[in-house]
Amino acid sequence: NNVNHVGHQNPKVADAVAKQVRILNSNTRYLHPNVALLAKRLLRTFPEKLSVVFFVNSGSEANDLAIRLARAHSKHGSKDVITVERAYHGHTQNVIQISPYKFLGKGGGGKS
């Protein structure tokens, strides 16, 4: 986990989280009306060409989906990805393959 920025067991944060958890639907597999409402609100802030919202479970999943969408959109069928040295993208197979710290490390698919 990342470093806490508001202090361990901060009462204001704990109360806010507890309040949100009582009304939150955290699984979009089963569509809740608030998920659709959020998607519509988000779409109003997007440029017109961006007309779809994907809700995902994690950064790894978001990066994996972004790669798949980019590859599907590629007019040349390219599988190439540009990334920065020591980048971290998550722990799915697709993102490990583009994360130098994993791919190029011991046990990775690149140079060891």
C-alpha atoms as a PDB file:
ATOM      1  CA  ASN A   1       0.000   0.000   0.000  1.00  0.00           C
ATOM      2  CA  ASN A   2       1.012   3.579  -0.525  1.00  0.00           C
ATOM      3  CA  VAL A   3       1.942   5.944   2.265  1.00  0.00           C
ATOM      4  CA  ASN A   4      -0.983   7.406   4.185  1.00  0.00           C
ATOM      5  CA  HIS A   5      -1.144  11.162   3.671  1.00  0.00           C
ATOM      6  CA  VAL A   6      -3.774  12.031   6.260  1.00  0.00           C
ATOM      7  CA  GLY A   7      -2.464  10.134   9.265  1.00  0.00           C
ATOM      8  CA  HIS A   8      -3.195   6.669  10.557  1.00  0.00           C
ATOM      9  CA  GLN A   9      -6.788   6.281  11.763  1.00  0.00           C
ATOM     10  CA  ASN A  10      -7.644   9.934  11.153  1.00  0.00           C
ATOM     11  CA  PRO A  11     -11.173  10.244  12.661  1.00  0.00           C
ATOM     12  CA  LYS A  12     -12.446  12.625   9.960  1.00  0.00           C
ATOM     13  CA  VAL A  13     -11.259  10.319   7.193  1.00  0.00           C
ATOM     14  CA  ALA A  14     -12.590   7.201   8.945  1.00  0.00           C
ATOM     15  CA  ASP A  15     -16.007   8.849   9.387  1.00  0.00           C
ATOM     16  CA  ALA A  16     -16.095   9.971   5.741  1.00  0.00           C
ATOM     17  CA  VAL A  17     -15.138   6.485   4.550  1.00  0.00           C
ATOM     18  CA  ALA A  18     -17.754   4.852   6.790  1.00  0.00           C
ATOM     19  CA  LYS A  19     -20.440   7.222   5.491  1.00  0.00           C
ATOM     20  CA  GLN A  20     -19.465   6.534   1.871  1.00  0.00           C
ATOM     21  CA  VAL A  21     -19.317   2.761   2.359  1.00  0.00           C
ATOM     22  CA  ARG A  22     -22.924   2.766   3.578  1.00  0.00           C
ATOM     23  CA  ILE A  23     -24.093   4.141   0.193  1.00  0.00           C
ATOM     24  CA  LEU A  24     -21.352   2.950  -2.160  1.00  0.00           C
ATOM     25  CA  ASN A  25     -21.750   0.270  -4.787  1.00  0.00           C
ATOM     26  CA  SER A  26     -18.168  -0.807  -5.392  1.00  0.00           C
ATOM     27  CA  ASN A  27     -18.774  -3.535  -7.953  1.00  0.00           C
ATOM     28  CA  THR A  28     -19.857  -2.407 -11.400  1.00  0.00           C
ATOM     29  CA  ARG A  29     -20.463  -5.965 -12.579  1.00  0.00           C
ATOM     30  CA  TYR A  30     -24.011  -5.526 -11.276  1.00  0.00           C
ATOM     31  CA  LEU A  31     -25.169  -2.202 -12.642  1.00  0.00           C
ATOM     32  CA  HIS A  32     -26.354   0.224 -10.000  1.00  0.00           C
ATOM     33  CA  PRO A  33     -28.175   3.389 -11.117  1.00  0.00           C
ATOM     34  CA  ASN A  34     -25.450   5.602  -9.619  1.00  0.00           C
ATOM     35  CA  VAL A  35     -22.815   4.019 -11.880  1.00  0.00           C
ATOM     36  CA  ALA A  36     -24.789   4.995 -14.976  1.00  0.00           C
ATOM     37  CA  LEU A  37     -25.397   8.472 -13.552  1.00  0.00           C
ATOM     38  CA  LEU A  38     -21.678   8.921 -12.895  1.00  0.00           C
ATOM     39  CA  ALA A  39     -20.868   7.801 -16.444  1.00  0.00           C
ATOM     40  CA  LYS A  40     -23.290  10.397 -17.837  1.00  0.00           C
ATOM     41  CA  ARG A  41     -21.799  13.125 -15.641  1.00  0.00           C
ATOM     42  CA  LEU A  42     -18.299  12.200 -16.753  1.00  0.00           C
ATOM     43  CA  LEU A  43     -19.297  12.154 -20.427  1.00  0.00           C
ATOM     44  CA  ARG A  44     -20.564  15.737 -20.154  1.00  0.00           C
ATOM     45  CA  THR A  45     -16.982  16.795 -19.333  1.00  0.00           C
ATOM     46  CA  PHE A  46     -15.372  14.862 -22.224  1.00  0.00           C
ATOM     47  CA  PRO A  47     -14.760  16.055 -25.767  1.00  0.00           C
ATOM     48  CA  GLU A  48     -17.568  14.869 -28.060  1.00  0.00           C
ATOM     49  CA  LYS A  49     -15.404  12.185 -29.713  1.00  0.00           C
ATOM     50  CA  LEU A  50     -14.971  10.466 -26.333  1.00  0.00           C
ATOM     51  CA  SER A  51     -18.338   8.837 -25.820  1.00  0.00           C
ATOM     52  CA  VAL A  52     -17.684   5.696 -23.754  1.00  0.00           C
ATOM     53  CA  VAL A  53     -16.804   5.235 -20.094  1.00  0.00           C
ATOM     54  CA  PHE A  54     -15.134   2.097 -18.776  1.00  0.00           C
ATOM     55  CA  PHE A  55     -15.139   1.486 -15.034  1.00  0.00           C
ATOM     56  CA  VAL A  56     -12.333  -0.821 -13.959  1.00  0.00           C
ATOM     57  CA  ASN A  57     -11.145  -2.347 -10.717  1.00  0.00           C
ATOM     58  CA  SER A  58      -7.526  -1.205 -10.572  1.00  0.00           C
ATOM     59  CA  GLY A  59      -4.726   0.710 -12.232  1.00  0.00           C
ATOM     60  CA  SER A  60      -3.392  -2.557 -13.644  1.00  0.00           C
ATOM     61  CA  GLU A  61      -6.747  -3.282 -15.224  1.00  0.00           C
ATOM     62  CA  ALA A  62      -7.027   0.288 -16.549  1.00  0.00           C
ATOM     63  CA  ASN A  63      -3.578   0.077 -18.159  1.00  0.00           C
ATOM     64  CA  ASP A  64      -4.331  -3.365 -19.602  1.00  0.00           C
ATOM     65  CA  LEU A  65      -7.567  -2.068 -21.129  1.00  0.00           C
ATOM     66  CA  ALA A  66      -5.797   1.021 -22.505  1.00  0.00           C
ATOM     67  CA  ILE A  67      -3.259  -1.201 -24.278  1.00  0.00           C
ATOM     68  CA  ARG A  68      -5.992  -3.404 -25.741  1.00  0.00           C
ATOM     69  CA  LEU A  69      -7.985  -0.386 -26.948  1.00  0.00           C
ATOM     70  CA  ALA A  70      -4.891   1.223 -28.484  1.00  0.00           C
ATOM     71  CA  ARG A  71      -4.002  -1.996 -30.292  1.00  0.00           C
ATOM     72  CA  ALA A  72      -7.562  -2.402 -31.546  1.00  0.00           C
ATOM     73  CA  HIS A  73      -7.463   1.174 -32.853  1.00  0.00           C
ATOM     74  CA  SER A  74      -4.014   0.876 -34.455  1.00  0.00           C
ATOM     75  CA  LYS A  75      -4.283   1.132 -38.216  1.00  0.00           C
ATOM     76  CA  HIS A  76      -1.023  -0.760 -38.699  1.00  0.00           C
ATOM     77  CA  GLY A  77      -1.557  -3.627 -36.250  1.00  0.00           C
ATOM     78  CA  SER A  78       1.436  -2.461 -34.233  1.00  0.00           C
ATOM     79  CA  LYS A  79       2.119  -4.115 -30.891  1.00  0.00           C
ATOM     80  CA  ASP A  80       4.800  -1.548 -29.961  1.00  0.00           C
ATOM     81  CA  VAL A  81       4.469   0.501 -26.777  1.00  0.00           C
ATOM     82  CA  ILE A  82       6.639   3.411 -25.704  1.00  0.00           C
ATOM     83  CA  THR A  83       7.386   3.592 -21.998  1.00  0.00           C
ATOM     84  CA  VAL A  84       9.916   5.248 -19.721  1.00  0.00           C
ATOM     85  CA  GLU A  85      12.774   3.498 -17.969  1.00  0.00           C
ATOM     86  CA  ARG A  86      11.830   1.970 -14.581  1.00  0.00           C
ATOM     87  CA  ALA A  87       8.125   2.515 -15.293  1.00  0.00           C
ATOM     88  CA  TYR A  88       5.503   0.587 -13.349  1.00  0.00           C
ATOM     89  CA  HIS A  89       2.181  -0.258 -14.969  1.00  0.00           C
ATOM     90  CA  GLY A  90       0.740  -3.031 -12.798  1.00  0.00           C
ATOM     91  CA  HIS A  91       0.617  -6.805 -12.589  1.00  0.00           C
ATOM     92  CA  THR A  92      -1.402  -8.125 -15.526  1.00  0.00           C
ATOM     93  CA  GLN A  93       0.476  -9.997 -18.249  1.00  0.00           C
ATOM     94  CA  ASN A  94       0.114  -7.163 -20.773  1.00  0.00           C
ATOM     95  CA  VAL A  95       1.396  -4.465 -18.443  1.00  0.00           C
ATOM     96  CA  ILE A  96       4.249  -6.547 -17.021  1.00  0.00           C
ATOM     97  CA  GLN A  97       5.486  -6.927 -20.599  1.00  0.00           C
ATOM     98  CA  ILE A  98       5.785  -3.148 -20.936  1.00  0.00           C
ATOM     99  CA  SER A  99       7.074  -2.433 -17.409  1.00  0.00           C
ATOM    100  CA  PRO A 100      10.886  -2.342 -17.625  1.00  0.00           C
ATOM    101  CA  TYR A 101      11.394  -2.940 -13.921  1.00  0.00           C
ATOM    102  CA  LYS A 102       9.643  -6.323 -14.290  1.00  0.00           C
ATOM    103  CA  PHE A 103      10.274  -7.265 -17.908  1.00  0.00           C
ATOM    104  CA  LEU A 104      13.990  -6.509 -17.817  1.00  0.00           C
ATOM    105  CA  GLY A 105      14.512  -7.893 -14.290  1.00  0.00           C
ATOM    106  CA  LYS A 106      15.315 -11.371 -13.062  1.00  0.00           C
ATOM    107  CA  GLY A 107      12.628 -13.753 -14.281  1.00  0.00           C
ATOM    108  CA  GLY A 108      11.217 -11.213 -16.755  1.00  0.00           C
ATOM    109  CA  GLY A 109      10.859 -11.853 -20.466  1.00  0.00           C
ATOM    110  CA  GLY A 110      13.556  -9.369 -21.486  1.00  0.00           C
ATOM    111  CA  LYS A 111      17.262  -9.183 -20.807  1.00  0.00           C
ATOM    112  CA  SER A 112      18.258 -10.248 -17.290  1.00  0.00           C
END
